Amino acid sequence: MLPNLEGPEGRFQVIETPMNQKVILDYAHTPVALNRLLEEVKKLDHRRLIVMIAGIGIRDFNKMPKMAKAIEGKADEVIVTVDHPGYHDPQSVVDQVMTGFTNPIASNIHPTLTREAGVRKSMQLGEEGDIILLTSGCINNSQIVKGEEIPHSDEKIIESFFPSVAQ
């Protein structure tokens, strides 16, 4: 018999919520990785799929619209946010991602200007039986903003929605 193994932090990391939801944290931050991740997630039993994608300010701006193209039409709700804005204006990062959508003003696309706001919006949209997929990582417990590492934890934000549940 094999012992219980835990996967690496930020790779298909599943958090069960009291609302019978699965929140999945995954570092996928390229269109190919996002597509492969979606293929696996869709195999899981769920009511709706809510996916957060992020433009990464310290990475290639040309990749950002491709993330939007990769998710378009594959999720019930899409949250677009910024991860590690660096020295860039978060709005410009989000705007760059949004250029990849055929219809960026669709009612199921929700732009946010910080990763924390993106996680909170994802959790607010979630209902019983949903899968909430938070991509682009943040496995280093910080956000790089104007050269500074600002503490950040997706898990702590998720826990704040369910304060009576200890993880």
C-alpha atoms as a PDB file:
ATOM      1  CA  MET A   1       0.000   0.000   0.000  1.00  0.00           C
ATOM      2  CA  LEU A   2       1.270   3.462  -0.868  1.00  0.00           C
ATOM      3  CA  PRO A   3       1.401   6.157   1.785  1.00  0.00           C
ATOM      4  CA  ASN A   4      -0.697   9.278   1.339  1.00  0.00           C
ATOM      5  CA  LEU A   5       1.293  11.709  -0.746  1.00  0.00           C
ATOM      6  CA  GLU A   6       0.727  15.415  -0.911  1.00  0.00           C
ATOM      7  CA  GLY A   7       1.324  17.181  -4.196  1.00  0.00           C
ATOM      8  CA  PRO A   8       3.529  20.213  -4.463  1.00  0.00           C
ATOM      9  CA  GLU A   9       2.054  23.501  -3.295  1.00  0.00           C
ATOM     10  CA  GLY A  10       0.249  25.273  -6.118  1.00  0.00           C
ATOM     11  CA  ARG A  11      -0.062  22.251  -8.410  1.00  0.00           C
ATOM     12  CA  PHE A  12      -3.645  20.997  -8.566  1.00  0.00           C
ATOM     13  CA  GLN A  13      -3.917  21.839  -4.878  1.00  0.00           C
ATOM     14  CA  VAL A  14      -7.537  21.082  -3.903  1.00  0.00           C
ATOM     15  CA  ILE A  15      -9.252  22.831  -1.011  1.00  0.00           C
ATOM     16  CA  GLU A  16     -12.720  21.557  -0.079  1.00  0.00           C
ATOM     17  CA  THR A  17     -15.064  24.219   1.300  1.00  0.00           C
ATOM     18  CA  PRO A  18     -18.050  23.903   3.655  1.00  0.00           C
ATOM     19  CA  MET A  19     -20.255  24.776   0.638  1.00  0.00           C
ATOM     20  CA  ASN A  20     -19.345  21.516  -1.128  1.00  0.00           C
ATOM     21  CA  GLN A  21     -17.055  23.394  -3.509  1.00  0.00           C
ATOM     22  CA  LYS A  22     -13.614  22.505  -4.731  1.00  0.00           C
ATOM     23  CA  VAL A  23     -11.167  25.381  -4.887  1.00  0.00           C
ATOM     24  CA  ILE A  24      -8.172  24.364  -6.976  1.00  0.00           C
ATOM     25  CA  LEU A  25      -4.932  26.319  -6.874  1.00  0.00           C
ATOM     26  CA  ASP A  26      -2.643  25.751  -9.821  1.00  0.00           C
ATOM     27  CA  TYR A  27       0.428  27.584 -11.046  1.00  0.00           C
ATOM     28  CA  ALA A  28      -0.654  27.255 -14.713  1.00  0.00           C
ATOM     29  CA  HIS A  29       0.439  30.509 -16.324  1.00  0.00           C
ATOM     30  CA  THR A  30       0.773  29.643 -20.009  1.00  0.00           C
ATOM     31  CA  PRO A  31      -2.003  28.935 -22.534  1.00  0.00           C
ATOM     32  CA  VAL A  32      -0.829  25.331 -23.006  1.00  0.00           C
ATOM     33  CA  ALA A  33      -0.726  24.670 -19.247  1.00  0.00           C
ATOM     34  CA  LEU A  34      -4.144  26.293 -18.812  1.00  0.00           C
ATOM     35  CA  ASN A  35      -5.666  24.113 -21.558  1.00  0.00           C
ATOM     36  CA  ARG A  36      -4.253  20.933 -20.039  1.00  0.00           C
ATOM     37  CA  LEU A  37      -5.415  21.958 -16.583  1.00  0.00           C
ATOM     38  CA  LEU A  38      -8.936  22.656 -17.866  1.00  0.00           C
ATOM     39  CA  GLU A  39      -9.077  19.214 -19.489  1.00  0.00           C
ATOM     40  CA  GLU A  40      -8.384  17.587 -16.122  1.00  0.00           C
ATOM     41  CA  VAL A  41     -10.621  19.867 -14.060  1.00  0.00           C
ATOM     42  CA  LYS A  42     -13.589  19.268 -16.343  1.00  0.00           C
ATOM     43  CA  LYS A  43     -13.370  15.550 -15.519  1.00  0.00           C
ATOM     44  CA  LEU A  44     -14.342  16.353 -11.920  1.00  0.00           C
ATOM     45  CA  ASP A  45     -17.973  16.425 -10.875  1.00  0.00           C
ATOM     46  CA  HIS A  46     -19.167  20.024 -10.654  1.00  0.00           C
ATOM     47  CA  ARG A  47     -22.121  22.309 -11.195  1.00  0.00           C
ATOM     48  CA  ARG A  48     -20.338  25.358 -12.614  1.00  0.00           C
ATOM     49  CA  LEU A  49     -16.717  26.187 -13.383  1.00  0.00           C
ATOM     50  CA  ILE A  50     -15.305  29.507 -12.223  1.00  0.00           C
ATOM     51  CA  VAL A  51     -11.778  30.283 -13.432  1.00  0.00           C
ATOM     52  CA  MET A  52      -9.427  33.098 -12.473  1.00  0.00           C
ATOM     53  CA  ILE A  53      -6.653  33.920 -14.949  1.00  0.00           C
ATOM     54  CA  ALA A  54      -3.963  36.515 -14.476  1.00  0.00           C
ATOM     55  CA  GLY A  55      -1.683  38.693 -16.491  1.00  0.00           C
ATOM     56  CA  ILE A  56       1.734  38.511 -14.886  1.00  0.00           C
ATOM     57  CA  GLY A  57       3.268  41.979 -14.935  1.00  0.00           C
ATOM     58  CA  ILE A  58       6.829  40.709 -14.640  1.00  0.00           C
ATOM     59  CA  ARG A  59       6.412  38.394 -17.656  1.00  0.00           C
ATOM     60  CA  ASP A  60       5.759  38.593 -21.384  1.00  0.00           C
ATOM     61  CA  PHE A  61       2.870  40.940 -22.242  1.00  0.00           C
ATOM     62  CA  ASN A  62       2.368  39.137 -25.586  1.00  0.00           C
ATOM     63  CA  LYS A  63       1.268  35.984 -23.745  1.00  0.00           C
ATOM     64  CA  MET A  64      -1.521  37.736 -21.827  1.00  0.00           C
ATOM     65  CA  PRO A  65      -4.177  37.812 -24.595  1.00  0.00           C
ATOM     66  CA  LYS A  66      -3.425  34.145 -25.298  1.00  0.00           C
ATOM     67  CA  MET A  67      -4.541  33.284 -21.757  1.00  0.00           C
ATOM     68  CA  ALA A  68      -7.915  34.900 -22.499  1.00  0.00           C
ATOM     69  CA  LYS A  69      -8.221  32.985 -25.774  1.00  0.00           C
ATOM     70  CA  ALA A  70      -7.393  29.733 -23.952  1.00  0.00           C
ATOM     71  CA  ILE A  71     -10.211  30.161 -21.406  1.00  0.00           C
ATOM     72  CA  GLU A  72     -12.884  31.814 -23.546  1.00  0.00           C
ATOM     73  CA  GLY A  73     -16.010  29.660 -23.770  1.00  0.00           C
ATOM     74  CA  LYS A  74     -14.632  27.038 -21.352  1.00  0.00           C
ATOM     75  CA  ALA A  75     -15.833  28.432 -18.020  1.00  0.00           C
ATOM     76  CA  ASP A  76     -19.118  29.700 -16.643  1.00  0.00           C
ATOM     77  CA  GLU A  77     -17.436  32.690 -14.984  1.00  0.00           C
ATOM     78  CA  VAL A  78     -13.989  34.156 -15.718  1.00  0.00           C
ATOM     79  CA  ILE A  79     -12.125  36.482 -13.391  1.00  0.00           C
ATOM     80  CA  VAL A  80      -9.232  38.399 -14.941  1.00  0.00           C
ATOM     81  CA  THR A  81      -6.650  39.767 -12.548  1.00  0.00           C
ATOM     82  CA  VAL A  82      -3.007  40.725 -12.257  1.00  0.00           C
ATOM     83  CA  ASP A  83      -0.274  38.661 -10.648  1.00  0.00           C
ATOM     84  CA  HIS A  84       3.019  40.318  -9.717  1.00  0.00           C
ATOM     85  CA  PRO A  85       2.369  43.662 -11.447  1.00  0.00           C
ATOM     86  CA  GLY A  86       5.984  44.713 -10.941  1.00  0.00           C
ATOM     87  CA  TYR A  87       6.349  48.328 -12.049  1.00  0.00           C
ATOM     88  CA  HIS A  88       3.360  48.128 -14.404  1.00  0.00           C
ATOM     89  CA  ASP A  89      -0.009  49.724 -13.792  1.00  0.00           C
ATOM     90  CA  PRO A  90      -2.327  46.820 -12.878  1.00  0.00           C
ATOM     91  CA  GLN A  91      -5.016  48.246 -15.157  1.00  0.00           C
ATOM     92  CA  SER A  92      -2.673  48.028 -18.174  1.00  0.00           C
ATOM     93  CA  VAL A  93      -1.908  44.385 -17.349  1.00  0.00           C
ATOM     94  CA  VAL A  94      -5.609  43.481 -17.054  1.00  0.00           C
ATOM     95  CA  ASP A  95      -6.399  45.466 -20.219  1.00  0.00           C
ATOM     96  CA  GLN A  96      -3.753  43.471 -22.104  1.00  0.00           C
ATOM     97  CA  VAL A  97      -5.340  40.173 -21.018  1.00  0.00           C
ATOM     98  CA  MET A  98      -8.801  41.452 -21.963  1.00  0.00           C
ATOM     99  CA  THR A  99      -7.699  42.092 -25.576  1.00  0.00           C
ATOM    100  CA  GLY A 100      -7.676  38.320 -26.084  1.00  0.00           C
ATOM    101  CA  PHE A 101     -11.427  37.913 -25.553  1.00  0.00           C
ATOM    102  CA  THR A 102     -13.753  38.029 -28.545  1.00  0.00           C
ATOM    103  CA  ASN A 103     -16.277  39.860 -26.348  1.00  0.00           C
ATOM    104  CA  PRO A 104     -14.409  41.434 -23.399  1.00  0.00           C
ATOM    105  CA  ILE A 105     -17.581  43.024 -22.043  1.00  0.00           C
ATOM    106  CA  ALA A 106     -19.447  39.716 -21.713  1.00  0.00           C
ATOM    107  CA  SER A 107     -21.364  39.550 -18.438  1.00  0.00           C
ATOM    108  CA  ASN A 108     -19.411  36.492 -17.255  1.00  0.00           C
ATOM    109  CA  ILE A 109     -15.979  38.195 -17.471  1.00  0.00           C
ATOM    110  CA  HIS A 110     -14.987  40.050 -14.302  1.00  0.00           C
ATOM    111  CA  PRO A 111     -11.802  42.175 -14.299  1.00  0.00           C
ATOM    112  CA  THR A 112     -10.074  42.916 -10.965  1.00  0.00           C
ATOM    113  CA  LEU A 113      -6.935  44.936 -10.265  1.00  0.00           C
ATOM    114  CA  THR A 114      -5.244  42.844  -7.575  1.00  0.00           C
ATOM    115  CA  ARG A 115      -4.833  39.127  -7.045  1.00  0.00           C
ATOM    116  CA  GLU A 116      -6.561  39.450  -3.676  1.00  0.00           C
ATOM    117  CA  ALA A 117      -9.574  41.108  -5.330  1.00  0.00           C
ATOM    118  CA  GLY A 118      -9.573  38.349  -7.967  1.00  0.00           C
ATOM    119  CA  VAL A 119      -9.601  35.574  -5.375  1.00  0.00           C
ATOM    120  CA  ARG A 120     -12.357  37.339  -3.409  1.00  0.00           C
ATOM    121  CA  LYS A 121     -14.471  37.834  -6.553  1.00  0.00           C
ATOM    122  CA  SER A 122     -14.000  34.160  -7.469  1.00  0.00           C
ATOM    123  CA  MET A 123     -15.150  33.082  -4.012  1.00  0.00           C
ATOM    124  CA  GLN A 124     -18.133  35.476  -4.095  1.00  0.00           C
ATOM    125  CA  LEU A 125     -19.291  34.014  -7.416  1.00  0.00           C
ATOM    126  CA  GLY A 126     -18.966  30.449  -6.144  1.00  0.00           C
ATOM    127  CA  GLU A 127     -22.038  28.474  -5.160  1.00  0.00           C
ATOM    128  CA  GLU A 128     -22.617  24.980  -3.851  1.00  0.00           C
ATOM    129  CA  GLY A 129     -21.129  22.289  -6.078  1.00  0.00           C
ATOM    130  CA  ASP A 130     -18.943  24.676  -8.092  1.00  0.00           C
ATOM    131  CA  ILE A 131     -15.279  24.326  -8.918  1.00  0.00           C
ATOM    132  CA  ILE A 132     -13.290  27.508  -8.421  1.00  0.00           C
ATOM    133  CA  LEU A 133      -9.992  27.312 -10.283  1.00  0.00           C
ATOM    134  CA  LEU A 134      -7.382  29.904  -9.309  1.00  0.00           C
ATOM    135  CA  THR A 135      -4.504  29.903 -11.798  1.00  0.00           C
ATOM    136  CA  SER A 136      -1.166  31.657 -12.238  1.00  0.00           C
ATOM    137  CA  GLY A 137       0.187  30.627  -8.943  1.00  0.00           C
ATOM    138  CA  CYS A 138       1.387  32.935  -6.267  1.00  0.00           C
ATOM    139  CA  ILE A 139       3.120  30.012  -4.612  1.00  0.00           C
ATOM    140  CA  ASN A 140       5.809  32.248  -3.144  1.00  0.00           C
ATOM    141  CA  ASN A 141       3.364  33.907  -0.699  1.00  0.00           C
ATOM    142  CA  SER A 142       3.940  37.381  -2.064  1.00  0.00           C
ATOM    143  CA  GLN A 143       3.171  39.773  -4.875  1.00  0.00           C
ATOM    144  CA  ILE A 144       5.929  41.823  -6.507  1.00  0.00           C
ATOM    145  CA  VAL A 145       4.693  45.411  -6.623  1.00  0.00           C
ATOM    146  CA  LYS A 146       7.047  48.249  -7.585  1.00  0.00           C
ATOM    147  CA  GLY A 147      10.089  46.228  -6.610  1.00  0.00           C
ATOM    148  CA  GLU A 148       8.741  45.153  -3.218  1.00  0.00           C
ATOM    149  CA  GLU A 149       7.484  41.748  -2.134  1.00  0.00           C
ATOM    150  CA  ILE A 150       4.050  42.276  -0.583  1.00  0.00           C
ATOM    151  CA  PRO A 151       2.800  39.310   1.519  1.00  0.00           C
ATOM    152  CA  HIS A 152      -0.054  37.409  -0.132  1.00  0.00           C
ATOM    153  CA  SER A 153      -1.738  34.039   0.398  1.00  0.00           C
ATOM    154  CA  ASP A 154      -4.613  32.724  -1.714  1.00  0.00           C
ATOM    155  CA  GLU A 155      -5.237  30.135   1.005  1.00  0.00           C
ATOM    156  CA  LYS A 156      -5.670  32.780   3.727  1.00  0.00           C
ATOM    157  CA  ILE A 157      -8.128  34.682   1.555  1.00  0.00           C
ATOM    158  CA  ILE A 158     -10.106  31.476   0.957  1.00  0.00           C
ATOM    159  CA  GLU A 159     -10.050  30.671   4.684  1.00  0.00           C
ATOM    160  CA  SER A 160     -11.426  34.150   5.446  1.00  0.00           C
ATOM    161  CA  PHE A 161     -14.646  33.133   3.652  1.00  0.00           C
ATOM    162  CA  PHE A 162     -15.070  30.236   6.057  1.00  0.00           C
ATOM    163  CA  PRO A 163     -13.630  31.506   9.369  1.00  0.00           C
ATOM    164  CA  SER A 164     -15.070  28.654  11.433  1.00  0.00           C
ATOM    165  CA  VAL A 165     -13.193  26.035   9.423  1.00  0.00           C
ATOM    166  CA  ALA A 166      -9.546  25.505  10.399  1.00  0.00           C
ATOM    167  CA  GLN A 167      -7.278  24.186   7.653  1.00  0.00           C
END
